[in-house]
Protein backbone atom coordinates (compact mmCIF):
# COMPACT_ATOMS: atom_id res chain seq x y z
CA MET A 1 114.26 113.90 115.39
CA PRO A 2 113.91 112.58 119.27
CA ALA A 3 113.54 108.80 120.57
CA THR A 4 109.89 107.77 120.84
CA LEU A 5 108.48 105.34 123.13
CA MET A 6 108.93 102.42 119.80
CA ASN A 7 112.39 103.34 119.76
CA LEU A 8 112.71 102.43 123.70
CA LEU A 9 109.83 99.56 123.47
CA PRO A 10 110.36 97.05 120.27
CA ALA A 11 107.71 94.43 119.89
CA LYS A 12 108.86 91.78 122.07
CA GLY A 13 109.40 94.43 125.29
CA ILE A 14 105.91 94.94 124.67
CA MET A 15 105.11 91.76 125.44
CA LEU A 16 107.76 91.90 128.71
CA LEU A 17 106.15 95.04 129.84
CA LEU A 18 102.70 93.34 130.22
CA VAL A 19 103.87 90.20 131.44
CA ALA A 20 106.29 92.44 134.16
CA LEU A 21 102.94 94.74 135.11
CA LEU A 22 100.82 91.72 135.68
CA VAL A 23 103.51 89.98 137.82
CA THR A 24 104.18 93.07 139.70
CA GLY A 25 100.72 93.68 140.45
CA CYS A 26 99.16 89.81 140.68
CA SER A 27 100.23 86.48 142.40
CA SER A 28 99.66 83.66 139.80
CA TYR A 29 96.40 81.49 140.30
CA GLU A 30 96.65 79.54 137.05
CA PRO A 31 99.56 79.48 134.55
CA ASP A 32 97.98 81.80 132.07
CA LEU A 33 95.52 84.49 134.47
CA CYS A 34 97.23 86.12 137.48
CA SER A 35 95.36 87.40 140.78
CA VAL A 36 96.18 89.71 143.86
CA SER A 37 98.30 88.21 146.67
CA PRO A 38 96.89 86.33 149.29
CA GLY A 39 95.05 88.19 151.72
CA GLY A 40 94.15 91.00 148.76
CA SER A 41 96.72 93.17 149.73
CA TYR A 42 98.07 95.25 146.57
CA ARG A 43 101.79 94.88 145.94
CA HIS A 44 103.33 98.11 144.97
CA GLY A 45 105.97 97.67 142.01
CA SER A 46 108.54 100.14 140.40
CA GLY A 47 106.23 100.05 137.16
CA GLY A 48 102.61 99.22 138.74
CA ASP A 49 102.11 102.25 140.68
CA MET A 50 98.93 104.60 139.39
CA LEU A 51 100.48 108.15 139.66
CA PRO A 52 97.77 110.84 140.16
CA PRO A 53 97.28 113.27 136.76
CA GLY A 54 98.37 116.23 138.83
CA ASN A 55 98.29 119.71 137.57
CA TRP A 56 99.55 118.71 133.88
CA TRP A 57 97.69 122.24 132.44
CA LYS A 58 100.23 124.34 134.01
CA GLU A 59 102.95 122.76 131.86
CA PHE A 60 101.10 124.78 129.19
CA ASP A 61 101.93 128.41 131.33
CA ASP A 62 98.20 129.90 130.40
CA THR A 63 96.58 131.88 133.34
CA ALA A 64 93.45 131.50 131.73
CA LEU A 65 93.77 127.70 131.51
CA ASN A 66 94.59 127.54 135.17
CA GLU A 67 91.55 130.06 136.16
CA LEU A 68 89.01 127.75 133.98
CA MET A 69 90.51 124.22 135.53
CA CYS A 70 90.02 125.86 138.93
CA ARG A 71 86.27 126.18 137.93
CA PHE A 72 86.18 122.85 136.58
CA ASP A 73 87.16 121.36 139.86
CA GLU A 74 84.51 122.94 141.70
CA SER A 75 81.31 122.51 139.53
CA ASN A 76 81.87 120.10 137.00
CA PRO A 77 78.90 117.80 136.98
CA SER A 78 80.44 114.94 135.15
CA LEU A 79 83.06 115.14 137.32
CA ASP A 80 80.70 114.56 140.47
CA ALA A 81 79.07 111.65 138.79
CA ALA A 82 82.55 109.85 138.85
CA LEU A 83 83.56 110.60 142.20
CA ALA A 84 80.27 108.70 143.07
CA ARG A 85 81.04 105.87 140.98
CA ARG A 86 83.87 105.64 143.17
CA GLU A 87 82.58 105.86 146.06
CA GLN A 88 79.60 102.96 145.65
CA VAL A 89 82.90 100.42 144.35
CA ARG A 90 84.50 101.57 147.77
CA ALA A 91 80.78 101.08 149.71
CA SER A 92 80.84 97.11 147.63
CA LEU A 93 85.03 96.87 149.19
CA GLY A 94 82.91 97.51 152.97
CA ILE A 95 80.52 95.36 152.18
CA GLU A 96 82.55 92.26 151.21
CA ALA A 97 85.25 92.94 153.98
CA ALA A 98 82.50 92.30 156.43
CA GLY A 99 82.62 89.06 155.55
CA PHE A 100 85.72 88.72 157.70
CA TYR A 101 83.95 89.30 160.84
CA PRO A 102 80.54 87.15 162.17
CA THR A 103 77.24 88.83 161.43
CA VAL A 104 74.85 89.30 164.87
CA VAL A 105 71.51 90.13 164.49
CA GLY A 106 69.28 91.31 167.08
CA ASP A 107 65.50 90.10 166.84
CA LEU A 108 62.53 91.56 169.30
CA SER A 109 59.10 90.33 168.80
CA ALA A 110 55.89 90.08 170.33
CA LYS A 111 52.96 87.91 168.78
CA ARG A 112 49.50 86.94 169.35
CA HIS A 113 48.95 83.68 168.20
CA ARG A 114 46.04 81.16 167.41
CA ASP A 115 46.37 77.80 166.81
CA SER A 116 44.46 75.08 165.18
CA GLN A 117 42.02 72.92 167.20
CA ASN A 118 42.14 70.13 164.61
CA GLY A 119 46.12 69.41 164.49
CA LEU A 120 48.16 66.88 166.28
CA PHE A 121 48.51 68.72 169.15
CA VAL A 122 45.40 70.46 170.88
CA PRO A 123 46.50 73.31 173.09
CA GLU A 124 44.55 74.14 176.07
CA SER A 125 43.65 77.70 174.44
CA PRO A 126 44.13 78.37 171.24
CA LEU A 127 44.85 82.29 171.65
CA TYR A 128 48.05 83.00 173.14
CA SER A 129 50.58 85.89 173.18
CA GLN A 130 54.54 85.22 173.05
CA PHE A 131 57.64 87.54 173.43
CA GLU A 132 60.90 87.23 172.69
CA ALA A 133 64.40 89.09 172.67
CA ALA A 134 67.52 86.91 170.95
CA LEU A 135 70.52 88.09 169.18
CA ASN A 136 71.61 85.36 166.28
CA LEU A 137 74.93 84.73 165.60
CA GLN A 138 76.42 83.72 162.21
CA TYR A 139 80.40 83.48 161.06
CA GLU A 140 82.08 81.14 157.97
CA ILE A 141 85.19 79.52 158.71
CA ASP A 142 87.39 80.96 155.47
CA LEU A 143 88.68 77.23 155.34
CA TRP A 144 89.06 77.63 151.41
CA GLY A 145 89.99 81.25 150.84
CA ARG A 146 86.72 81.99 149.85
CA VAL A 147 86.18 85.29 151.77
CA ARG A 148 89.80 86.13 151.82
CA LYS A 149 89.26 85.87 147.41
CA SER A 150 86.19 87.95 147.69
CA VAL A 151 87.75 90.65 149.50
CA ALA A 152 90.75 90.50 147.05
CA ALA A 153 88.54 91.12 143.91
CA ALA A 154 86.99 93.93 145.80
CA ARG A 155 89.77 95.85 146.60
CA SER A 156 90.97 95.00 143.29
CA ASP A 157 87.66 96.82 141.83
CA TYR A 158 88.15 99.45 143.71
CA LEU A 159 91.55 100.27 142.38
CA ALA A 160 90.05 99.71 139.12
CA SER A 161 87.25 102.56 140.32
CA GLU A 162 90.10 104.61 141.25
CA GLY A 163 92.25 104.43 137.67
CA ASP A 164 88.87 104.88 135.97
CA PHE A 165 88.03 108.11 138.19
CA ALA A 166 91.44 109.39 137.44
CA ALA A 167 90.96 108.57 134.10
CA ALA A 168 87.55 110.39 133.79
CA ILE A 169 89.04 113.33 135.52
CA LEU A 170 91.71 113.63 132.67
CA SER A 171 89.31 113.12 129.85
CA LEU A 172 87.46 115.91 130.94
CA LYS A 173 90.46 118.34 131.78
CA ALA A 174 91.83 117.51 128.28
CA SER A 175 88.40 118.04 126.84
CA LEU A 176 88.58 121.18 128.29
CA ALA A 177 92.03 122.20 127.38
CA ARG A 178 91.25 121.13 123.93
CA ASN A 179 87.91 123.42 123.56
CA TYR A 180 89.73 125.87 125.24
CA TYR A 181 92.53 126.05 122.87
CA GLN A 182 90.30 125.71 119.76
CA PHE A 183 88.70 128.62 121.35
CA ARG A 184 91.88 130.89 121.28
CA TYR A 185 92.92 129.78 117.97
CA ILE A 186 89.57 130.33 116.19
CA GLU A 187 89.83 134.00 117.61
CA GLU A 188 92.97 134.27 116.32
CA GLU A 189 91.17 133.03 112.54
CA ILE A 190 88.30 135.62 113.48
CA ASP A 191 90.89 138.36 113.86
CA VAL A 192 93.28 138.03 110.76
CA VAL A 193 89.43 137.27 108.49
CA ARG A 194 88.48 140.80 110.28
CA GLU A 195 91.50 141.85 109.18
CA THR A 196 90.52 140.44 105.51
CA VAL A 197 87.77 142.10 105.78
CA ASP A 198 88.45 145.99 106.49
CA LEU A 199 91.19 145.30 104.27
CA ARG A 200 88.55 144.27 101.47
CA GLN A 201 86.27 146.93 102.07
CA GLN A 202 89.05 149.72 101.60
CA ASN A 203 89.81 148.07 98.07
CA ARG A 204 86.18 148.26 97.19
CA ASP A 205 86.02 151.88 98.27
CA LEU A 206 89.38 152.49 95.83
CA ILE A 207 87.92 150.85 93.17
CA LYS A 208 84.65 152.86 93.42
CA VAL A 209 86.34 156.04 93.48
CA ARG A 210 88.61 154.68 90.41
CA VAL A 211 84.96 153.51 88.63
CA ASP A 212 83.11 156.76 88.86
CA ALA A 213 86.51 158.80 87.43
CA GLY A 214 86.50 156.21 84.74
CA ASP A 215 90.04 154.25 85.37
CA THR A 216 88.40 151.02 85.52
CA THR A 217 85.17 148.69 84.95
CA ASP A 218 82.27 148.18 86.82
CA LEU A 219 83.84 144.51 86.52
CA ASP A 220 86.50 144.89 89.05
CA LEU A 221 83.82 146.71 91.63
CA ALA A 222 81.65 143.81 91.14
CA ARG A 223 84.79 141.18 91.62
CA ALA A 224 85.47 143.45 95.00
CA ASP A 225 82.20 143.16 96.15
CA ALA A 226 82.19 139.44 95.82
CA GLU A 227 85.53 139.19 97.50
CA LEU A 228 84.38 140.97 100.53
CA GLU A 229 81.11 139.49 100.79
CA THR A 230 82.95 136.01 100.97
CA ALA A 231 85.27 137.22 103.58
CA ARG A 232 82.42 138.48 105.74
CA ALA A 233 81.13 134.74 105.16
CA GLN A 234 83.47 133.51 106.59
CA GLN A 235 83.98 135.86 109.72
CA LEU A 236 80.43 134.37 110.53
CA GLU A 237 80.95 131.09 110.06
CA LEU A 238 84.30 131.17 112.46
CA GLU A 239 82.15 133.30 114.98
CA ARG A 240 79.57 130.71 114.90
CA SER A 241 82.31 127.90 115.14
CA ARG A 242 83.94 130.18 118.52
CA GLU A 243 80.33 130.34 119.95
CA GLU A 244 80.22 126.57 119.80
CA PHE A 245 83.03 126.22 122.00
CA TYR A 246 82.20 128.83 124.21
CA HIS A 247 79.01 126.98 125.06
CA ALA A 248 80.98 123.65 125.23
CA ILE A 249 83.71 125.38 127.72
CA ALA A 250 80.86 127.18 129.71
CA ALA A 251 79.04 123.34 130.19
CA LEU A 252 82.34 121.83 131.34
CA VAL A 253 83.19 124.77 134.18
CA GLY A 254 79.42 123.72 135.02
CA THR A 255 77.48 126.82 133.85
CA THR A 256 75.36 128.19 132.19
CA PRO A 257 76.98 130.49 129.01
CA ALA A 258 74.64 133.40 129.99
CA GLU A 259 76.63 133.42 133.26
CA PHE A 260 79.95 132.38 131.76
CA THR A 261 82.62 134.83 131.22
CA MET A 262 86.05 133.81 129.58
CA PRO A 263 89.06 134.76 131.70
CA LYS A 264 91.56 136.88 129.93
CA ARG A 265 93.75 135.50 127.57
CA ASP A 266 97.59 135.70 127.88
CA PRO A 267 99.03 137.50 124.68
CA ARG A 268 101.23 134.18 124.35
CA ILE A 269 100.58 130.26 124.07
CA SER A 270 103.24 128.00 125.44
CA VAL A 271 103.66 124.91 123.61
CA PRO A 272 104.99 121.89 125.87
CA GLU A 273 108.20 120.43 124.68
CA PHE A 274 108.78 116.73 124.99
CA PRO A 275 111.68 115.34 126.23
CA PRO A 276 114.92 115.31 123.82
CA GLY A 277 115.34 111.67 125.10
CA GLY A 278 112.05 110.14 124.73
CA PHE A 279 109.54 108.52 127.24
CA PRO A 280 110.21 105.68 129.39
CA CYS A 281 107.85 102.86 129.18
CA GLU A 282 107.11 102.99 132.87
CA LEU A 283 104.68 105.48 132.17
CA LEU A 284 102.44 103.47 130.29
CA SER A 285 101.82 101.20 133.74
CA ARG A 286 100.86 104.96 135.22
CA ARG A 287 97.88 105.63 132.69
CA PRO A 288 95.09 104.90 134.67
CA ASP A 289 93.06 103.18 131.85
CA VAL A 290 96.19 100.49 131.40
CA TYR A 291 96.27 100.46 135.64
CA ALA A 292 92.19 100.13 136.09
CA ALA A 293 92.41 97.12 133.33
CA ARG A 294 95.17 95.55 135.06
CA GLU A 295 93.39 95.66 138.34
CA ARG A 296 90.43 93.80 136.82
CA VAL A 297 92.61 91.22 135.43
CA CYS A 298 93.34 90.64 139.42
CA ALA A 299 89.74 90.68 140.42
CA ALA A 300 88.64 88.47 137.80
CA THR A 301 90.77 86.25 138.12
CA ALA A 302 90.47 86.02 142.20
CA ARG A 303 86.73 85.35 141.48
CA ILE A 304 87.87 82.27 140.13
CA GLY A 305 88.45 80.64 143.57
CA VAL A 306 85.53 82.69 144.47
CA THR A 307 83.39 80.70 142.32
CA ALA A 308 85.36 77.40 142.72
CA ALA A 309 85.19 77.91 146.58
CA GLU A 310 81.73 77.81 146.02
CA PHE A 311 81.34 74.63 145.13
CA LEU A 312 83.03 73.29 148.28
CA PRO A 313 81.65 72.09 151.73
CA ARG A 314 81.11 75.32 153.87
CA PHE A 315 81.70 75.45 157.56
CA THR A 316 79.96 78.30 159.61
CA ILE A 317 79.03 78.44 163.14
CA ALA A 318 75.68 79.57 164.14
CA GLY A 319 73.69 80.04 167.41
CA THR A 320 70.88 82.29 168.59
CA GLY A 321 70.32 82.86 172.15
CA GLY A 322 68.10 85.38 174.15
CA VAL A 323 64.40 85.03 176.12
CA SER A 324 61.38 83.74 175.43
CA SER A 325 58.31 83.82 177.60
CA LEU A 326 54.46 83.99 176.68
CA LYS A 327 54.00 86.50 179.52
CA LEU A 328 55.75 90.13 179.36
CA SER A 329 56.06 90.17 182.80
CA THR A 330 58.36 86.72 183.43
CA LEU A 331 60.20 87.81 179.89
CA LEU A 332 63.46 88.62 182.03
CA ASP A 333 62.89 86.21 184.27
CA PRO A 334 66.17 83.35 184.25
CA ASP A 335 63.71 80.16 183.29
CA SER A 336 63.07 82.62 179.99
CA LEU A 337 66.84 82.21 178.84
CA PHE A 338 67.32 80.18 175.62
CA GLY A 339 69.94 79.61 173.39
CA ASN A 340 72.17 77.03 171.01
CA ILE A 341 75.36 77.50 168.99
CA GLY A 342 77.35 74.90 166.84
CA PRO A 343 79.15 74.56 163.63
CA GLU A 344 76.87 73.75 160.54
CA ILE A 345 78.44 72.47 157.07
CA ARG A 346 76.93 72.90 154.08
CA ILE A 347 78.08 70.06 151.08
CA PRO A 348 77.18 70.57 147.89
CA VAL A 349 75.90 67.00 146.64
CA PHE A 350 74.45 66.75 143.19
CA GLN A 351 74.75 70.10 140.99
CA ALA A 352 74.58 68.71 137.32
CA GLY A 353 78.03 70.18 136.19
CA ARG A 354 76.96 73.26 137.72
CA SER A 355 80.08 73.73 139.31
CA LYS A 356 82.09 73.09 136.20
CA SER A 357 80.09 75.33 134.37
CA GLU A 358 80.74 78.24 136.83
CA ILE A 359 84.41 77.78 136.71
CA ALA A 360 84.63 77.83 133.19
CA ARG A 361 83.15 81.03 132.85
CA ALA A 362 84.75 82.76 135.44
CA GLU A 363 88.15 81.70 133.57
CA GLU A 364 86.92 82.78 130.25
CA VAL A 365 86.06 86.16 132.07
CA ALA A 366 89.24 86.57 133.89
CA LYS A 367 90.89 85.48 129.81
CA GLU A 368 88.57 88.48 128.20
CA SER A 369 90.21 91.15 131.30
CA LEU A 370 93.29 89.89 130.17
CA ALA A 371 92.46 90.77 126.52
CA LEU A 372 91.44 93.87 127.10
CA TYR A 373 94.33 95.23 129.55
CA ARG A 374 96.79 93.91 126.30
CA GLU A 375 94.48 96.10 124.37
CA ALA A 376 95.03 98.98 126.78
CA VAL A 377 98.53 98.77 126.89
CA LEU A 378 98.97 98.27 122.88
CA ASN A 379 96.23 101.26 122.78
CA ALA A 380 98.71 103.55 125.34
CA VAL A 381 101.98 102.99 122.93
CA ARG A 382 99.81 103.85 119.93
CA ASP A 383 98.29 106.85 121.67
CA THR A 384 101.69 108.15 122.60
CA GLU A 385 103.90 107.26 119.58
CA THR A 386 100.46 109.11 117.33
CA SER A 387 100.96 112.30 119.56
CA VAL A 388 104.59 112.63 119.66
CA SER A 389 104.70 112.03 115.76
CA ASP A 390 102.17 114.41 115.03
CA ALA A 391 104.00 116.84 117.30
CA SER A 392 107.35 116.42 115.51
CA TRP A 393 105.80 116.44 111.86
CA LEU A 394 103.35 119.63 112.81
CA ASP A 395 106.51 121.51 114.00
CA ARG A 396 108.30 120.76 110.97
CA GLN A 397 104.85 122.25 108.97
CA ILE A 398 104.78 125.26 111.00
CA VAL A 399 108.40 126.29 110.05
CA ALA A 400 107.51 125.43 106.57
CA LEU A 401 103.70 127.77 106.88
CA ARG A 402 105.66 130.62 108.53
CA ARG A 403 107.61 130.76 105.18
CA SER A 404 104.61 130.43 103.27
CA ASP A 405 102.70 133.26 104.78
CA ALA A 406 106.08 135.96 105.11
CA ALA A 407 105.88 135.15 101.21
CA SER A 408 102.58 135.31 100.45
CA ALA A 409 101.90 138.39 102.43
CA LYS A 410 104.58 140.00 100.51
CA ALA A 411 102.93 138.63 97.12
CA GLY A 412 99.65 140.50 98.05
CA ARG A 413 101.59 143.98 98.92
CA LEU A 414 103.01 143.30 95.50
CA SER A 415 100.24 142.54 93.98
CA ARG A 416 98.02 145.95 94.79
CA ALA A 417 100.55 148.04 94.03
CA ARG A 418 101.04 146.83 90.20
CA TYR A 419 97.64 147.09 89.87
CA GLU A 420 97.24 150.64 91.67
CA ASP A 421 100.27 151.33 89.21
CA GLY A 422 97.59 149.84 85.90
CA LEU A 423 100.47 146.89 85.38
CA VAL A 424 97.96 144.29 85.86
CA SER A 425 94.23 143.21 86.46
CA TYR A 426 92.27 143.24 89.60
CA LEU A 427 92.37 139.41 89.35
CA GLU A 428 95.94 139.11 90.32
CA VAL A 429 95.22 141.03 92.98
CA ILE A 430 92.47 139.12 94.05
CA ASP A 431 94.26 135.67 93.78
CA ALA A 432 97.00 137.37 95.78
CA ASP A 433 95.38 138.51 98.51
CA ARG A 434 93.11 135.08 98.63
CA VAL A 435 96.34 132.87 99.34
CA ALA A 436 97.79 135.19 101.63
CA LEU A 437 94.55 134.96 103.33
CA ASN A 438 94.84 130.73 103.35
CA ALA A 439 98.45 130.57 104.00
CA ARG A 440 97.83 132.43 107.44
CA ARG A 441 94.51 130.93 108.66
CA GLU A 442 96.30 127.30 107.15
CA LEU A 443 98.93 128.25 109.79
CA ILE A 444 96.81 129.15 112.57
CA ARG A 445 94.96 125.33 111.94
CA THR A 446 98.43 123.98 111.97
CA ARG A 447 99.58 125.71 115.54
CA THR A 448 95.92 124.68 116.79
CA ALA A 449 96.80 121.14 115.82
CA ARG A 450 100.27 121.12 117.16
CA GLN A 451 98.40 122.26 120.88
CA LEU A 452 95.80 119.87 120.55
CA ALA A 453 98.73 116.95 120.25
CA ALA A 454 100.15 118.27 123.03
CA ILE A 455 97.11 117.94 124.99
CA ARG A 456 96.55 113.80 123.13
CA ALA A 457 100.19 113.37 124.47
CA VAL A 458 99.22 114.18 127.92
CA GLN A 459 96.89 111.95 127.92
CA ALA A 460 98.63 109.26 126.32
CA LEU A 461 101.07 109.63 129.45
CA GLY A 462 98.34 109.30 131.70
CA GLY A 463 98.31 113.08 132.93
CA GLY A 464 102.02 114.43 131.62
CA TRP A 465 105.60 113.67 131.86
CA ALA A 466 106.79 116.17 134.09
CA VAL A 467 105.95 114.12 137.33
CA CYS A 468 107.86 111.34 136.25
CA LEU A 469 110.89 112.48 134.34
CA ASP A 470 114.00 114.52 136.67
CA SER A 471 113.99 117.58 134.49
CA GLU A 472 111.35 120.50 134.36
CA PRO A 473 108.89 120.20 131.31
CA GLN A 474 110.17 122.84 128.60
CA VAL A 475 107.80 124.82 127.22
CA VAL A 476 107.66 127.41 123.98
CA ALA A 477 105.98 130.52 124.43
CA THR A 478 104.63 131.50 120.70
CA PRO A 479 102.76 135.31 120.33
CA VAL A 480 99.59 135.86 118.93
CA GLU A 481 100.38 136.36 115.03
């Protein structure tokens, strides 16, 4: 049995991986947490870079699946929604980054005033007009790093959204591959049951001839009818399930079942083989959900600094300048100019413990995100181990089921010959045929499970393993039986 991830990554190694990945992506802000490096830049490390999932489905060497994936890229609505969510976060990053620069707002006004005659200052004329054109400037001096850390948090949010986007694509395409192979294997099962229906129809016709000739009783004919109708019912049930998968595939490629046409299938099915040495643990850090969870730790930790800076003095430079006049004709005169500029300081004085509570809340959010990151890593290990283990056991099970299929088919042929020679009752034929049918269907279902295990391994590793290993992926082509 090939070495798997847990062979390469013992229990202590998992915790070391967690620490290493966090240190790679973040600089420490507090002892038990992490944050992005100053300025918000993300430092790529040997184990921290997320690789795009790539065209992992090509490892299955299936032209029909390749065609479906192309259709998916063109018109899947869930993919469009995931892209829109990512772009929303990108826009939020732009909003935060704007804090590095001064804000300048233009103000144009033309107003008609009427002042009170009963006020402290009584104007000569209560009615007058005022025209004004001004520019207002405001710029925060980022003395405590509030803006810088806000941008760092937003950048980590965007990197996390990139991971979410890649995870969404991976999940949707894996769902398409699963539905496609379940559709294909259920078609195989339908072919087997259809052959069984034809065979039982032939048996029934032969028994009818023997009943008419007086060589057997109506009991055998009734049993043959029952077995024939049972097989037909099984065929109808499989065809119903096939329609469900057909509809699911149509929805995933962004069309209706009435407009969808399944590509012509290849007569063989390729099953990707895992590398003999197992998978390096670095693949876990490239899994999109692990990458996104790590970036959320960085974002949450950066926001601790943002929250702390909110309760420190804030220094800004504010100014306004322009022209103002009671008459539009004199608005551009030199005497209409006005302006002011200077520093402003906002100093929190009394907040009744609000600052301490806000910082404590931000710290707990960061701790939660760290726990979720650890959970994501552990889930990645579990998913990889499960898929590899399943594939290993299913490979062995398939070998045994092939032998069972061949033996039960031979037993069915012998029982039928013995019945035709009058040596056994039709009950033995029925039992042998049922065993042979169940063995063949069980083999098909196990082969389906093996293919689905390979797809789960693709998801567990964030989009396959060929992009990270030196060797090309190995596939084993098996004929449709």
